[in-house]
Amino acid sequence: MKKIIILLALFILLCASAFAQEESDFKILNGFILSYEGNDTDIVIPAQINGMSVTGISEKAFSNKRLTSVIIPDGVIVIEEYSFAFNKLRTVTIPDSVTTIGEGAFYYNELTSINLGNSIRIIKASAFCENRLRNIVIPESVTEINQCAFWANPLERITIGANVALEKEYYEVFVFGFDDDYESNKKRAGTYIYRNRSWSIQ
């Protein structure tokens, strides 16, 4: 049994090393990744680069790199504007350390699922716009979501906390009139289902 466990552990380590990128693939300044210079489309962002902890992803750092998967390390606090836009990501997990997701951060991908960390406070405009999300869970930590953040997704189910500020100027934050139905339900926490052209809370 011990041999099996040891072999399994070695296999996991070999797989991790096979998918890990070289530190030289990333340019970093003051803890923020400025750009990705590698060619891999399935990437694991290191928690440390050149001995420096990664605390942020800079504007457009991974934009338009044909990425199909990415692992963002715990310790990242800020994901800036359009940092992962124009890729082919299908799923992404935002670690609990992240507090802000910038404008257009995951714009125009192929996301069908997202897992949002429990420290996010603000999701900025168009952050997840133009994806394929049907079901999303907004953490209770979120206090503000800006316009078009989840626009142009085929959403059917939204779980959201109470009294979240949906900051819209010209366009909805979500889709299919959710913003107005959330307001009419006095911004109650719960899971909202889209049926018969309206949102009802479970």
Protein backbone atom coordinates (compact mmCIF):
# COMPACT_ATOMS: atom_id res chain seq x y z
CA MET A 1 0.00 0.00 0.00
CA LYS A 2 2.86 2.35 0.88
CA LYS A 3 4.47 1.73 -2.52
CA ILE A 4 1.24 2.66 -4.28
CA ILE A 5 0.96 5.91 -2.31
CA ILE A 6 4.61 6.80 -3.02
CA LEU A 7 4.20 6.06 -6.75
CA LEU A 8 1.01 8.12 -6.86
CA ALA A 9 2.74 11.06 -5.16
CA LEU A 10 5.63 10.86 -7.63
CA PHE A 11 3.18 10.78 -10.54
CA ILE A 12 1.42 13.92 -9.26
CA LEU A 13 4.74 15.72 -8.85
CA LEU A 14 5.82 14.75 -12.36
CA CYS A 15 2.53 15.98 -13.81
CA ALA A 16 2.83 19.29 -11.94
CA SER A 17 6.37 19.84 -13.17
CA ALA A 18 5.35 18.97 -16.73
CA PHE A 19 2.74 21.71 -16.79
CA ALA A 20 4.63 24.32 -14.78
CA GLN A 21 6.14 27.18 -16.74
CA GLU A 22 9.68 28.50 -16.49
CA GLU A 23 10.08 31.63 -14.38
CA SER A 24 11.76 33.25 -17.38
CA ASP A 25 8.39 33.05 -19.22
CA PHE A 26 7.08 35.84 -16.98
CA LYS A 27 8.10 39.46 -16.58
CA ILE A 28 7.49 40.78 -13.07
CA LEU A 29 7.83 44.15 -11.35
CA ASN A 30 7.02 44.88 -7.71
CA GLY A 31 5.03 41.67 -7.41
CA PHE A 32 2.89 42.29 -10.52
CA ILE A 33 3.24 40.08 -13.58
CA LEU A 34 3.65 42.46 -16.51
CA SER A 35 3.56 39.92 -19.34
CA TYR A 36 3.75 36.28 -20.29
CA GLU A 37 6.38 35.46 -22.91
CA GLY A 38 5.89 31.69 -23.15
CA ASN A 39 4.09 29.64 -25.78
CA ASP A 40 2.13 27.18 -23.63
CA THR A 41 -1.65 27.47 -23.71
CA ASP A 42 -2.22 25.58 -20.43
CA ILE A 43 -0.35 27.54 -17.79
CA VAL A 44 0.36 27.48 -14.08
CA ILE A 45 1.33 30.89 -12.74
CA PRO A 46 4.04 30.48 -10.07
CA ALA A 47 3.38 31.84 -6.58
CA GLN A 48 6.92 33.26 -6.65
CA ILE A 49 9.08 34.49 -9.52
CA ASN A 50 12.76 35.26 -8.98
CA GLY A 51 12.15 35.06 -5.24
CA MET A 52 9.36 37.66 -5.41
CA SER A 53 5.80 36.79 -4.36
CA VAL A 54 3.21 37.29 -7.10
CA THR A 55 0.54 39.66 -5.77
CA GLY A 56 -1.02 41.03 -8.94
CA ILE A 57 -1.68 40.44 -12.64
CA SER A 58 -1.08 43.61 -14.67
CA GLU A 59 -3.20 45.03 -17.47
CA LYS A 60 -3.25 42.74 -20.55
CA ALA A 61 -0.49 40.53 -19.09
CA PHE A 62 -2.06 37.34 -20.52
CA SER A 63 -4.35 38.89 -23.12
CA ASN A 64 -4.66 37.22 -26.52
CA LYS A 65 -2.28 34.33 -25.77
CA ARG A 66 -4.61 31.51 -26.93
CA LEU A 67 -4.80 30.23 -23.34
CA THR A 68 -7.10 27.27 -22.72
CA SER A 69 -6.47 26.91 -18.98
CA VAL A 70 -4.77 28.88 -16.22
CA ILE A 71 -4.10 28.32 -12.52
CA ILE A 72 -3.84 31.56 -10.56
CA PRO A 73 -1.86 31.18 -7.32
CA ASP A 74 -3.12 32.05 -3.88
CA GLY A 75 -1.49 35.34 -2.89
CA VAL A 76 -2.66 37.29 -5.94
CA ILE A 77 -4.70 40.26 -4.68
CA VAL A 78 -5.52 42.22 -7.83
CA ILE A 79 -6.38 41.08 -11.36
CA GLU A 80 -6.16 44.19 -13.54
CA GLU A 81 -7.87 45.33 -16.75
CA TYR A 82 -8.12 42.85 -19.64
CA SER A 83 -5.42 40.68 -18.06
CA PHE A 84 -6.86 37.40 -19.43
CA ALA A 85 -9.07 38.78 -22.22
CA PHE A 86 -9.34 37.33 -25.72
CA ASN A 87 -8.34 33.76 -24.89
CA LYS A 88 -10.10 30.38 -24.95
CA LEU A 89 -10.42 29.74 -21.22
CA ARG A 90 -13.25 27.35 -20.34
CA THR A 91 -13.03 27.40 -16.56
CA VAL A 92 -11.19 29.48 -14.00
CA THR A 93 -10.80 29.56 -10.22
CA ILE A 94 -10.14 32.90 -8.55
CA PRO A 95 -8.25 32.31 -5.27
CA ASP A 96 -9.52 33.61 -1.94
CA SER A 97 -6.70 36.17 -1.80
CA VAL A 98 -8.13 38.22 -4.70
CA THR A 99 -10.11 41.34 -3.71
CA THR A 100 -10.58 43.09 -7.07
CA ILE A 101 -11.28 41.82 -10.57
CA GLY A 102 -10.53 44.56 -13.09
CA GLU A 103 -12.44 45.77 -16.10
CA GLY A 104 -12.63 43.19 -18.88
CA ALA A 105 -10.32 40.84 -16.98
CA PHE A 106 -11.83 37.70 -18.57
CA TYR A 107 -13.60 39.36 -21.47
CA TYR A 108 -14.27 37.27 -24.58
CA ASN A 109 -13.26 33.78 -23.50
CA GLU A 110 -15.21 30.49 -23.59
CA LEU A 111 -15.92 30.23 -19.86
CA THR A 112 -18.65 27.79 -18.89
CA SER A 113 -17.83 27.81 -15.17
CA ILE A 114 -16.09 30.12 -12.71
CA ASN A 115 -15.25 29.73 -9.04
CA LEU A 116 -14.98 33.11 -7.36
CA GLY A 117 -12.92 33.48 -4.18
CA ASN A 118 -14.44 34.60 -0.89
CA SER A 119 -12.50 37.87 -0.56
CA ILE A 120 -13.63 39.60 -3.75
CA ARG A 121 -15.22 42.98 -3.06
CA ILE A 122 -15.47 44.57 -6.50
CA ILE A 123 -16.08 43.05 -9.94
CA LYS A 124 -15.50 45.78 -12.49
CA ALA A 125 -17.14 46.49 -15.85
CA SER A 126 -17.17 43.73 -18.49
CA ALA A 127 -15.05 41.46 -16.28
CA PHE A 128 -16.75 38.27 -17.53
CA CYS A 129 -18.59 39.70 -20.51
CA GLU A 130 -18.91 37.60 -23.70
CA ASN A 131 -18.56 34.11 -22.27
CA ARG A 132 -20.78 31.01 -21.97
CA LEU A 133 -21.79 31.11 -18.32
CA ARG A 134 -25.17 29.65 -17.37
CA ASN A 135 -24.77 29.41 -13.60
CA ILE A 136 -22.79 31.73 -11.33
CA VAL A 137 -22.35 32.11 -7.58
CA ILE A 138 -21.40 35.59 -6.39
CA PRO A 139 -19.58 35.38 -3.01
CA GLU A 140 -21.11 37.21 -0.06
CA SER A 141 -17.95 39.32 0.14
CA VAL A 142 -18.88 41.14 -3.09
CA THR A 143 -20.35 44.60 -2.48
CA GLU A 144 -20.21 46.12 -5.97
CA ILE A 145 -20.50 44.87 -9.55
CA ASN A 146 -20.11 47.27 -12.48
CA GLN A 147 -21.98 47.41 -15.78
CA CYS A 148 -21.68 44.57 -18.30
CA ALA A 149 -19.68 42.46 -15.83
CA PHE A 150 -21.71 39.37 -16.78
CA TRP A 151 -23.39 40.67 -19.89
CA ALA A 152 -23.60 38.51 -23.06
CA ASN A 153 -23.75 35.21 -21.16
CA PRO A 154 -26.66 32.73 -21.42
CA LEU A 155 -27.33 32.95 -17.69
CA GLU A 156 -30.11 30.84 -16.18
CA ARG A 157 -29.17 30.78 -12.49
CA ILE A 158 -27.54 33.47 -10.32
CA THR A 159 -26.75 33.15 -6.61
CA ILE A 160 -26.04 36.53 -5.02
CA GLY A 161 -25.85 38.16 -1.59
CA ALA A 162 -28.03 40.94 -0.21
CA ASN A 163 -27.68 44.62 -1.07
CA VAL A 164 -25.02 44.25 -3.76
CA ALA A 165 -24.61 47.55 -5.61
CA LEU A 166 -25.20 46.94 -9.32
CA GLU A 167 -23.54 49.96 -10.88
CA LYS A 168 -24.96 50.38 -14.37
CA GLU A 169 -24.77 53.45 -16.58
CA TYR A 170 -25.93 52.47 -20.06
CA TYR A 171 -26.00 48.67 -19.91
CA GLU A 172 -27.07 45.94 -17.50
CA VAL A 173 -24.65 44.27 -15.12
CA PHE A 174 -26.21 40.87 -15.84
CA VAL A 175 -28.70 39.85 -18.57
CA PHE A 176 -32.41 39.43 -19.32
CA GLY A 177 -33.51 42.13 -16.87
CA PHE A 178 -31.90 40.59 -13.79
CA ASP A 179 -30.77 43.97 -12.44
CA ASP A 180 -34.36 45.27 -12.29
CA ASP A 181 -35.76 42.03 -10.85
CA TYR A 182 -33.07 42.04 -8.14
CA GLU A 183 -34.06 45.61 -7.27
CA SER A 184 -37.76 44.73 -7.22
CA ASN A 185 -36.96 41.92 -4.79
CA LYS A 186 -35.38 44.55 -2.53
CA LYS A 187 -31.91 43.13 -3.25
CA ARG A 188 -32.63 39.98 -1.29
CA ALA A 189 -29.95 37.32 -1.03
CA GLY A 190 -30.67 34.03 -2.71
CA THR A 191 -30.63 32.02 -5.90
CA TYR A 192 -32.50 33.57 -8.82
CA ILE A 193 -33.80 31.40 -11.67
CA TYR A 194 -34.67 32.70 -15.14
CA ARG A 195 -38.04 31.38 -16.31
CA ASN A 196 -40.71 32.79 -18.59
CA ARG A 197 -38.67 35.91 -19.33
CA SER A 198 -38.25 36.93 -15.70
CA TRP A 199 -36.11 36.14 -12.66
CA SER A 200 -37.67 34.60 -9.55
CA ILE A 201 -35.95 33.93 -6.26
CA GLN A 202 -35.96 30.43 -4.83
